Amino acid sequence: MIMAQMILAQMTLELSHFTAALLFSVFASIVFGITQRNDAREQIRYGLYCFAMFVGGVFVAGWVMWLLRR
């Protein structure tokens, strides 16, 4: 039991807010691409579009929060 706890303690993953947002963007974009379009090419293009919008939104939100804090 102690060995399992040690292995779990070593496997913890600490993400920054930015990394977590990027990871969410990747998975949400994959799901959106698959569920919102029928053709494979359209799915990829829409998934990339959604990813770009998510990442752009993260940067815009970061700048807005920076400006509000100033």
N, C-alpha and C. Protein backbone atom coordinates (compact mmCIF):
# COMPACT_ATOMS: atom_id res chain seq x y z
N MET A 1 0.82 -1.20 0.00
CA MET A 1 0.00 0.00 0.00
C MET A 1 0.86 1.26 0.00
N ILE A 2 1.94 1.25 0.76
CA ILE A 2 2.80 2.42 0.84
C ILE A 2 3.49 2.65 -0.52
N MET A 3 3.87 1.57 -1.18
CA MET A 3 4.51 1.70 -2.49
C MET A 3 3.55 2.34 -3.50
N ALA A 4 2.28 1.97 -3.47
CA ALA A 4 1.29 2.55 -4.38
C ALA A 4 1.12 4.04 -4.10
N GLN A 5 1.14 4.43 -2.85
CA GLN A 5 1.02 5.85 -2.51
C GLN A 5 2.24 6.62 -2.98
N MET A 6 3.41 6.01 -2.90
CA MET A 6 4.62 6.67 -3.37
C MET A 6 4.59 6.86 -4.88
N ILE A 7 4.11 5.85 -5.58
CA ILE A 7 4.02 5.95 -7.05
C ILE A 7 3.03 7.02 -7.44
N LEU A 8 1.88 7.08 -6.76
CA LEU A 8 0.89 8.11 -7.06
C LEU A 8 1.43 9.50 -6.74
N ALA A 9 2.20 9.62 -5.67
CA ALA A 9 2.77 10.91 -5.31
C ALA A 9 3.78 11.38 -6.36
N GLN A 10 4.49 10.44 -6.96
CA GLN A 10 5.47 10.79 -7.99
C GLN A 10 4.79 11.12 -9.31
N MET A 11 3.57 10.65 -9.53
CA MET A 11 2.89 10.83 -10.80
C MET A 11 1.98 12.06 -10.83
N THR A 12 1.98 12.84 -9.78
CA THR A 12 1.12 14.01 -9.79
C THR A 12 1.59 15.00 -10.84
N LEU A 13 0.64 15.65 -11.46
CA LEU A 13 0.91 16.58 -12.54
C LEU A 13 0.44 17.96 -12.12
N GLU A 14 1.34 18.89 -12.07
CA GLU A 14 0.98 20.25 -11.70
C GLU A 14 0.97 21.11 -12.95
N LEU A 15 -0.20 21.65 -13.26
CA LEU A 15 -0.36 22.47 -14.45
C LEU A 15 -0.54 23.93 -14.07
N SER A 16 0.02 24.80 -14.88
CA SER A 16 -0.27 26.22 -14.71
C SER A 16 -1.65 26.48 -15.30
N HIS A 17 -2.18 27.66 -15.03
CA HIS A 17 -3.50 27.99 -15.59
C HIS A 17 -3.45 28.00 -17.12
N PHE A 18 -2.36 28.50 -17.66
CA PHE A 18 -2.21 28.56 -19.11
C PHE A 18 -2.16 27.16 -19.72
N THR A 19 -1.38 26.27 -19.12
CA THR A 19 -1.28 24.90 -19.63
C THR A 19 -2.61 24.18 -19.53
N ALA A 20 -3.32 24.38 -18.43
CA ALA A 20 -4.63 23.76 -18.26
C ALA A 20 -5.61 24.29 -19.31
N ALA A 21 -5.54 25.58 -19.60
CA ALA A 21 -6.42 26.16 -20.62
C ALA A 21 -6.08 25.60 -22.00
N LEU A 22 -4.81 25.44 -22.30
CA LEU A 22 -4.42 24.85 -23.58
C LEU A 22 -4.86 23.40 -23.70
N LEU A 23 -4.72 22.66 -22.63
CA LEU A 23 -5.15 21.26 -22.63
C LEU A 23 -6.66 21.15 -22.84
N PHE A 24 -7.40 22.00 -22.15
CA PHE A 24 -8.85 22.05 -22.35
C PHE A 24 -9.16 22.42 -23.80
N SER A 25 -8.45 23.39 -24.35
CA SER A 25 -8.68 23.82 -25.72
C SER A 25 -8.48 22.69 -26.72
N VAL A 26 -7.45 21.91 -26.50
CA VAL A 26 -7.17 20.78 -27.41
C VAL A 26 -8.33 19.80 -27.40
N PHE A 27 -8.73 19.36 -26.20
CA PHE A 27 -9.78 18.35 -26.13
C PHE A 27 -11.14 18.88 -26.56
N ALA A 28 -11.47 20.11 -26.19
CA ALA A 28 -12.75 20.69 -26.60
C ALA A 28 -12.78 20.88 -28.11
N SER A 29 -11.68 21.28 -28.71
CA SER A 29 -11.63 21.47 -30.15
C SER A 29 -11.79 20.15 -30.90
N ILE A 30 -11.21 19.10 -30.37
CA ILE A 30 -11.38 17.78 -30.98
C ILE A 30 -12.84 17.37 -30.95
N VAL A 31 -13.48 17.54 -29.80
CA VAL A 31 -14.89 17.17 -29.67
C VAL A 31 -15.76 18.04 -30.58
N PHE A 32 -15.51 19.34 -30.59
CA PHE A 32 -16.31 20.23 -31.44
C PHE A 32 -16.14 19.87 -32.91
N GLY A 33 -14.91 19.61 -33.33
CA GLY A 33 -14.67 19.26 -34.72
C GLY A 33 -15.39 18.00 -35.13
N ILE A 34 -15.36 16.99 -34.28
CA ILE A 34 -15.99 15.71 -34.60
C ILE A 34 -17.51 15.83 -34.59
N THR A 35 -18.06 16.55 -33.64
CA THR A 35 -19.52 16.57 -33.49
C THR A 35 -20.22 17.62 -34.36
N GLN A 36 -19.51 18.62 -34.82
CA GLN A 36 -20.18 19.71 -35.53
C GLN A 36 -20.06 19.64 -37.05
N ARG A 37 -19.17 18.82 -37.56
CA ARG A 37 -18.97 18.72 -39.01
C ARG A 37 -19.02 17.25 -39.44
N ASN A 38 -19.36 17.03 -40.72
CA ASN A 38 -19.51 15.66 -41.22
C ASN A 38 -18.28 15.16 -41.97
N ASP A 39 -17.71 15.97 -42.83
CA ASP A 39 -16.57 15.58 -43.63
C ASP A 39 -15.28 15.67 -42.81
N ALA A 40 -14.35 14.74 -43.06
CA ALA A 40 -13.10 14.70 -42.28
C ALA A 40 -12.31 15.99 -42.43
N ARG A 41 -12.23 16.51 -43.65
CA ARG A 41 -11.49 17.76 -43.88
C ARG A 41 -12.13 18.92 -43.13
N GLU A 42 -13.46 18.99 -43.16
CA GLU A 42 -14.17 20.05 -42.44
C GLU A 42 -14.00 19.90 -40.93
N GLN A 43 -13.97 18.67 -40.45
CA GLN A 43 -13.77 18.44 -39.01
C GLN A 43 -12.42 18.97 -38.56
N ILE A 44 -11.39 18.70 -39.34
CA ILE A 44 -10.05 19.16 -38.98
C ILE A 44 -9.98 20.68 -39.03
N ARG A 45 -10.52 21.27 -40.09
CA ARG A 45 -10.49 22.73 -40.21
C ARG A 45 -11.27 23.39 -39.08
N TYR A 46 -12.44 22.85 -38.75
CA TYR A 46 -13.25 23.44 -37.69
C TYR A 46 -12.58 23.24 -36.33
N GLY A 47 -11.98 22.08 -36.12
CA GLY A 47 -11.25 21.84 -34.87
C GLY A 47 -10.10 22.81 -34.69
N LEU A 48 -9.35 23.05 -35.76
CA LEU A 48 -8.25 24.02 -35.70
C LEU A 48 -8.77 25.43 -35.48
N TYR A 49 -9.89 25.75 -36.12
CA TYR A 49 -10.50 27.07 -35.92
C TYR A 49 -10.91 27.25 -34.46
N CYS A 50 -11.56 26.24 -33.90
CA CYS A 50 -11.98 26.31 -32.49
C CYS A 50 -10.77 26.44 -31.57
N PHE A 51 -9.71 25.69 -31.86
CA PHE A 51 -8.50 25.77 -31.04
C PHE A 51 -7.92 27.18 -31.09
N ALA A 52 -7.86 27.76 -32.28
CA ALA A 52 -7.34 29.12 -32.41
C ALA A 52 -8.20 30.12 -31.64
N MET A 53 -9.51 29.95 -31.69
CA MET A 53 -10.41 30.85 -30.96
C MET A 53 -10.24 30.69 -29.45
N PHE A 54 -10.10 29.46 -28.99
CA PHE A 54 -9.87 29.22 -27.56
C PHE A 54 -8.58 29.89 -27.10
N VAL A 55 -7.50 29.66 -27.84
CA VAL A 55 -6.20 30.22 -27.45
C VAL A 55 -6.24 31.75 -27.53
N GLY A 56 -6.86 32.26 -28.58
CA GLY A 56 -7.01 33.71 -28.68
C GLY A 56 -7.82 34.27 -27.52
N GLY A 57 -8.87 33.56 -27.13
CA GLY A 57 -9.68 33.98 -26.00
C GLY A 57 -8.90 33.97 -24.69
N VAL A 58 -8.01 33.01 -24.54
CA VAL A 58 -7.17 32.94 -23.34
C VAL A 58 -6.26 34.17 -23.28
N PHE A 59 -5.66 34.53 -24.42
CA PHE A 59 -4.79 35.71 -24.43
C PHE A 59 -5.57 36.99 -24.20
N VAL A 60 -6.72 37.12 -24.82
CA VAL A 60 -7.55 38.32 -24.62
C VAL A 60 -7.99 38.42 -23.16
N ALA A 61 -8.45 37.32 -22.60
CA ALA A 61 -8.87 37.33 -21.20
C ALA A 61 -7.70 37.68 -20.27
N GLY A 62 -6.51 37.16 -20.59
CA GLY A 62 -5.33 37.49 -19.79
C GLY A 62 -5.01 38.97 -19.83
N TRP A 63 -5.09 39.57 -21.02
CA TRP A 63 -4.83 41.00 -21.14
C TRP A 63 -5.89 41.82 -20.41
N VAL A 64 -7.14 41.41 -20.53
CA VAL A 64 -8.21 42.13 -19.84
C VAL A 64 -8.00 42.08 -18.32
N MET A 65 -7.67 40.89 -17.81
CA MET A 65 -7.42 40.77 -16.37
C MET A 65 -6.21 41.60 -15.95
N TRP A 66 -5.17 41.65 -16.80
CA TRP A 66 -4.01 42.46 -16.50
C TRP A 66 -4.37 43.93 -16.45
N LEU A 67 -5.19 44.38 -17.42
CA LEU A 67 -5.60 45.78 -17.44
C LEU A 67 -6.49 46.14 -16.24
N LEU A 68 -7.36 45.22 -15.85
CA LEU A 68 -8.24 45.48 -14.70
C LEU A 68 -7.44 45.55 -13.40
N ARG A 69 -6.39 44.79 -13.32
CA ARG A 69 -5.61 44.78 -12.09
C ARG A 69 -4.73 46.02 -11.97
N ARG A 70 -4.37 46.60 -13.07
CA ARG A 70 -3.51 47.78 -13.08
C ARG A 70 -4.13 48.97 -12.51
